[in-house]
Amino acid sequence: MKEFEDRFSELQADMVSICMEYAKDRADKVYIYASCEVTNIGASNINTK
């Protein structure tokens, strides 16, 4: 189980980093939504100041 948690934390940190890069570090909060279903994989983010 520890391997899953470590990998998930790495992916989460990467997603936040990408969102902050997209927002040019002007966001105070980052909301990330990710979904993985049988026929669809999607993600979106909202950056707020």
PDB file of N, CA and C in Angstrom:
ATOM      1  N   MET A   1       0.818  -1.196   0.000  1.00  0.00           N
ATOM      2  CA  MET A   1       0.000   0.000   0.000  1.00  0.00           C
ATOM      3  C   MET A   1       0.864   1.262   0.000  1.00  0.00           C
ATOM      4  N   LYS A   2       2.007   1.192   0.637  1.00  0.00           N
ATOM      5  CA  LYS A   2       2.886   2.354   0.701  1.00  0.00           C
ATOM      6  C   LYS A   2       3.339   2.786  -0.693  1.00  0.00           C
ATOM      7  N   GLU A   3       3.583   1.835  -1.572  1.00  0.00           N
ATOM      8  CA  GLU A   3       4.008   2.177  -2.929  1.00  0.00           C
ATOM      9  C   GLU A   3       2.935   2.988  -3.645  1.00  0.00           C
ATOM     10  N   PHE A   4       1.673   2.595  -3.479  1.00  0.00           N
ATOM     11  CA  PHE A   4       0.577   3.339  -4.106  1.00  0.00           C
ATOM     12  C   PHE A   4       0.534   4.767  -3.573  1.00  0.00           C
ATOM     13  N   GLU A   5       0.616   4.930  -2.255  1.00  0.00           N
ATOM     14  CA  GLU A   5       0.550   6.257  -1.649  1.00  0.00           C
ATOM     15  C   GLU A   5       1.709   7.136  -2.102  1.00  0.00           C
ATOM     16  N   ASP A   6       2.896   6.563  -2.191  1.00  0.00           N
ATOM     17  CA  ASP A   6       4.059   7.326  -2.647  1.00  0.00           C
ATOM     18  C   ASP A   6       3.887   7.766  -4.092  1.00  0.00           C
ATOM     19  N   ARG A   7       3.467   6.861  -4.938  1.00  0.00           N
ATOM     20  CA  ARG A   7       3.279   7.187  -6.363  1.00  0.00           C
ATOM     21  C   ARG A   7       2.161   8.207  -6.550  1.00  0.00           C
ATOM     22  N   PHE A   8       1.066   8.032  -5.793  1.00  0.00           N
ATOM     23  CA  PHE A   8      -0.051   8.969  -5.882  1.00  0.00           C
ATOM     24  C   PHE A   8       0.391  10.368  -5.445  1.00  0.00           C
ATOM     25  N   SER A   9       1.176  10.455  -4.389  1.00  0.00           N
ATOM     26  CA  SER A   9       1.685  11.748  -3.917  1.00  0.00           C
ATOM     27  C   SER A   9       2.572  12.408  -4.967  1.00  0.00           C
ATOM     28  N   GLU A  10       3.399  11.625  -5.639  1.00  0.00           N
ATOM     29  CA  GLU A  10       4.245  12.156  -6.713  1.00  0.00           C
ATOM     30  C   GLU A  10       3.394  12.711  -7.849  1.00  0.00           C
ATOM     31  N   LEU A  11       2.386  11.958  -8.264  1.00  0.00           N
ATOM     32  CA  LEU A  11       1.508  12.413  -9.344  1.00  0.00           C
ATOM     33  C   LEU A  11       0.750  13.673  -8.941  1.00  0.00           C
ATOM     34  N   GLN A  12       0.287  13.705  -7.711  1.00  0.00           N
ATOM     35  CA  GLN A  12      -0.439  14.868  -7.213  1.00  0.00           C
ATOM     36  C   GLN A  12       0.465  16.104  -7.216  1.00  0.00           C
ATOM     37  N   ALA A  13       1.684  15.965  -6.762  1.00  0.00           N
ATOM     38  CA  ALA A  13       2.632  17.081  -6.755  1.00  0.00           C
ATOM     39  C   ALA A  13       2.924  17.549  -8.177  1.00  0.00           C
ATOM     40  N   ASP A  14       3.062  16.625  -9.116  1.00  0.00           N
ATOM     41  CA  ASP A  14       3.284  16.983 -10.519  1.00  0.00           C
ATOM     42  C   ASP A  14       2.099  17.755 -11.081  1.00  0.00           C
ATOM     43  N   MET A  15       0.885  17.321 -10.763  1.00  0.00           N
ATOM     44  CA  MET A  15      -0.316  18.000 -11.263  1.00  0.00           C
ATOM     45  C   MET A  15      -0.403  19.422 -10.714  1.00  0.00           C
ATOM     46  N   VAL A  16      -0.113  19.610  -9.439  1.00  0.00           N
ATOM     47  CA  VAL A  16      -0.137  20.949  -8.843  1.00  0.00           C
ATOM     48  C   VAL A  16       0.943  21.820  -9.481  1.00  0.00           C
ATOM     49  N   SER A  17       2.117  21.271  -9.693  1.00  0.00           N
ATOM     50  CA  SER A  17       3.205  22.015 -10.323  1.00  0.00           C
ATOM     51  C   SER A  17       2.828  22.475 -11.728  1.00  0.00           C
ATOM     52  N   ILE A  18       2.223  21.594 -12.497  1.00  0.00           N
ATOM     53  CA  ILE A  18       1.800  21.943 -13.856  1.00  0.00           C
ATOM     54  C   ILE A  18       0.745  23.040 -13.827  1.00  0.00           C
ATOM     55  N   CYS A  19      -0.213  22.937 -12.899  1.00  0.00           N
ATOM     56  CA  CYS A  19      -1.257  23.960 -12.788  1.00  0.00           C
ATOM     57  C   CYS A  19      -0.670  25.310 -12.383  1.00  0.00           C
ATOM     58  N   MET A  20       0.276  25.310 -11.461  1.00  0.00           N
ATOM     59  CA  MET A  20       0.906  26.563 -11.043  1.00  0.00           C
ATOM     60  C   MET A  20       1.739  27.160 -12.173  1.00  0.00           C
ATOM     61  N   GLU A  21       2.378  26.319 -12.948  1.00  0.00           N
ATOM     62  CA  GLU A  21       3.123  26.800 -14.116  1.00  0.00           C
ATOM     63  C   GLU A  21       2.163  27.445 -15.110  1.00  0.00           C
ATOM     64  N   TYR A  22       1.020  26.815 -15.332  1.00  0.00           N
ATOM     65  CA  TYR A  22       0.002  27.348 -16.243  1.00  0.00           C
ATOM     66  C   TYR A  22      -0.512  28.698 -15.745  1.00  0.00           C
ATOM     67  N   ALA A  23      -0.675  28.834 -14.432  1.00  0.00           N
ATOM     68  CA  ALA A  23      -1.180  30.076 -13.844  1.00  0.00           C
ATOM     69  C   ALA A  23      -0.069  31.095 -13.616  1.00  0.00           C
ATOM     70  N   LYS A  24       1.136  30.742 -13.993  1.00  0.00           N
ATOM     71  CA  LYS A  24       2.311  31.598 -13.809  1.00  0.00           C
ATOM     72  C   LYS A  24       2.471  32.009 -12.344  1.00  0.00           C
ATOM     73  N   ASP A  25       2.229  31.071 -11.429  1.00  0.00           N
ATOM     74  CA  ASP A  25       2.367  31.261  -9.979  1.00  0.00           C
ATOM     75  C   ASP A  25       1.537  32.426  -9.440  1.00  0.00           C
ATOM     76  N   ARG A  26       0.434  32.779 -10.116  1.00  0.00           N
ATOM     77  CA  ARG A  26      -0.425  33.867  -9.649  1.00  0.00           C
ATOM     78  C   ARG A  26      -1.642  33.361  -8.890  1.00  0.00           C
ATOM     79  N   ALA A  27      -1.745  32.080  -8.656  1.00  0.00           N
ATOM     80  CA  ALA A  27      -2.912  31.514  -7.979  1.00  0.00           C
ATOM     81  C   ALA A  27      -2.599  31.222  -6.516  1.00  0.00           C
ATOM     82  N   ASP A  28      -3.557  31.549  -5.650  1.00  0.00           N
ATOM     83  CA  ASP A  28      -3.429  31.201  -4.236  1.00  0.00           C
ATOM     84  C   ASP A  28      -3.950  29.796  -3.969  1.00  0.00           C
ATOM     85  N   LYS A  29      -4.933  29.370  -4.757  1.00  0.00           N
ATOM     86  CA  LYS A  29      -5.523  28.046  -4.594  1.00  0.00           C
ATOM     87  C   LYS A  29      -5.624  27.370  -5.953  1.00  0.00           C
ATOM     88  N   VAL A  30      -5.434  26.072  -5.961  1.00  0.00           N
ATOM     89  CA  VAL A  30      -5.558  25.276  -7.179  1.00  0.00           C
ATOM     90  C   VAL A  30      -6.519  24.132  -6.884  1.00  0.00           C
ATOM     91  N   TYR A  31      -7.563  24.029  -7.689  1.00  0.00           N
ATOM     92  CA  TYR A  31      -8.504  22.923  -7.577  1.00  0.00           C
ATOM     93  C   TYR A  31      -8.305  22.032  -8.795  1.00  0.00           C
ATOM     94  N   ILE A  32      -8.079  20.759  -8.564  1.00  0.00           N
ATOM     95  CA  ILE A  32      -7.821  19.816  -9.649  1.00  0.00           C
ATOM     96  C   ILE A  32      -8.867  18.717  -9.598  1.00  0.00           C
ATOM     97  N   TYR A  33      -9.474  18.454 -10.751  1.00  0.00           N
ATOM     98  CA  TYR A  33     -10.441  17.366 -10.868  1.00  0.00           C
ATOM     99  C   TYR A  33      -9.894  16.388 -11.894  1.00  0.00           C
ATOM    100  N   ALA A  34      -9.823  15.136 -11.528  1.00  0.00           N
ATOM    101  CA  ALA A  34      -9.361  14.104 -12.459  1.00  0.00           C
ATOM    102  C   ALA A  34     -10.325  12.929 -12.402  1.00  0.00           C
ATOM    103  N   SER A  35     -10.554  12.327 -13.559  1.00  0.00           N
ATOM    104  CA  SER A  35     -11.483  11.208 -13.644  1.00  0.00           C
ATOM    105  C   SER A  35     -10.912  10.153 -14.578  1.00  0.00           C
ATOM    106  N   CYS A  36     -11.016   8.911 -14.181  1.00  0.00           N
ATOM    107  CA  CYS A  36     -10.582   7.801 -15.019  1.00  0.00           C
ATOM    108  C   CYS A  36     -11.694   6.767 -15.017  1.00  0.00           C
ATOM    109  N   GLU A  37     -12.397   6.695 -16.125  1.00  0.00           N
ATOM    110  CA  GLU A  37     -13.487   5.743 -16.268  1.00  0.00           C
ATOM    111  C   GLU A  37     -13.131   4.761 -17.375  1.00  0.00           C
ATOM    112  N   VAL A  38     -13.954   3.791 -17.580  1.00  0.00           N
ATOM    113  CA  VAL A  38     -13.669   2.731 -18.547  1.00  0.00           C
ATOM    114  C   VAL A  38     -13.399   3.296 -19.937  1.00  0.00           C
ATOM    115  N   THR A  39     -14.199   4.253 -20.388  1.00  0.00           N
ATOM    116  CA  THR A  39     -14.065   4.755 -21.759  1.00  0.00           C
ATOM    117  C   THR A  39     -13.542   6.179 -21.839  1.00  0.00           C
ATOM    118  N   ASN A  40     -13.240   6.801 -20.704  1.00  0.00           N
ATOM    119  CA  ASN A  40     -12.888   8.209 -20.736  1.00  0.00           C
ATOM    120  C   ASN A  40     -11.900   8.542 -19.618  1.00  0.00           C
ATOM    121  N   ILE A  41     -10.874   9.303 -19.961  1.00  0.00           N
ATOM    122  CA  ILE A  41      -9.948   9.843 -18.969  1.00  0.00           C
ATOM    123  C   ILE A  41      -9.945  11.353 -19.157  1.00  0.00           C
ATOM    124  N   GLY A  42     -10.168  12.086 -18.084  1.00  0.00           N
ATOM    125  CA  GLY A  42     -10.233  13.530 -18.209  1.00  0.00           C
ATOM    126  C   GLY A  42      -9.694  14.222 -16.982  1.00  0.00           C
ATOM    127  N   ALA A  43      -9.371  15.500 -17.152  1.00  0.00           N
ATOM    128  CA  ALA A  43      -8.892  16.304 -16.031  1.00  0.00           C
ATOM    129  C   ALA A  43      -9.158  17.763 -16.342  1.00  0.00           C
ATOM    130  N   SER A  44      -9.345  18.542 -15.299  1.00  0.00           N
ATOM    131  CA  SER A  44      -9.478  19.983 -15.448  1.00  0.00           C
ATOM    132  C   SER A  44      -8.959  20.637 -14.184  1.00  0.00           C
ATOM    133  N   ASN A  45      -8.687  21.939 -14.277  1.00  0.00           N
ATOM    134  CA  ASN A  45      -8.213  22.651 -13.091  1.00  0.00           C
ATOM    135  C   ASN A  45      -8.819  24.033 -13.048  1.00  0.00           C
ATOM    136  N   ILE A  46      -8.905  24.575 -11.849  1.00  0.00           N
ATOM    137  CA  ILE A  46      -9.367  25.935 -11.626  1.00  0.00           C
ATOM    138  C   ILE A  46      -8.334  26.597 -10.729  1.00  0.00           C
ATOM    139  N   ASN A  47      -7.857  27.751 -11.152  1.00  0.00           N
ATOM    140  CA  ASN A  47      -6.889  28.510 -10.365  1.00  0.00           C
ATOM    141  C   ASN A  47      -7.584  29.758  -9.839  1.00  0.00           C
ATOM    142  N   THR A  48      -7.440  30.050  -8.549  1.00  0.00           N
ATOM    143  CA  THR A  48      -8.077  31.227  -7.971  1.00  0.00           C
ATOM    144  C   THR A  48      -7.054  32.092  -7.267  1.00  0.00           C
ATOM    145  N   LYS A  49      -7.334  33.345  -7.201  1.00  0.00           N
ATOM    146  CA  LYS A  49      -6.462  34.311  -6.526  1.00  0.00           C
ATOM    147  C   LYS A  49      -7.187  34.859  -5.340  1.00  0.00           C
TER     148      LYS A  49
END
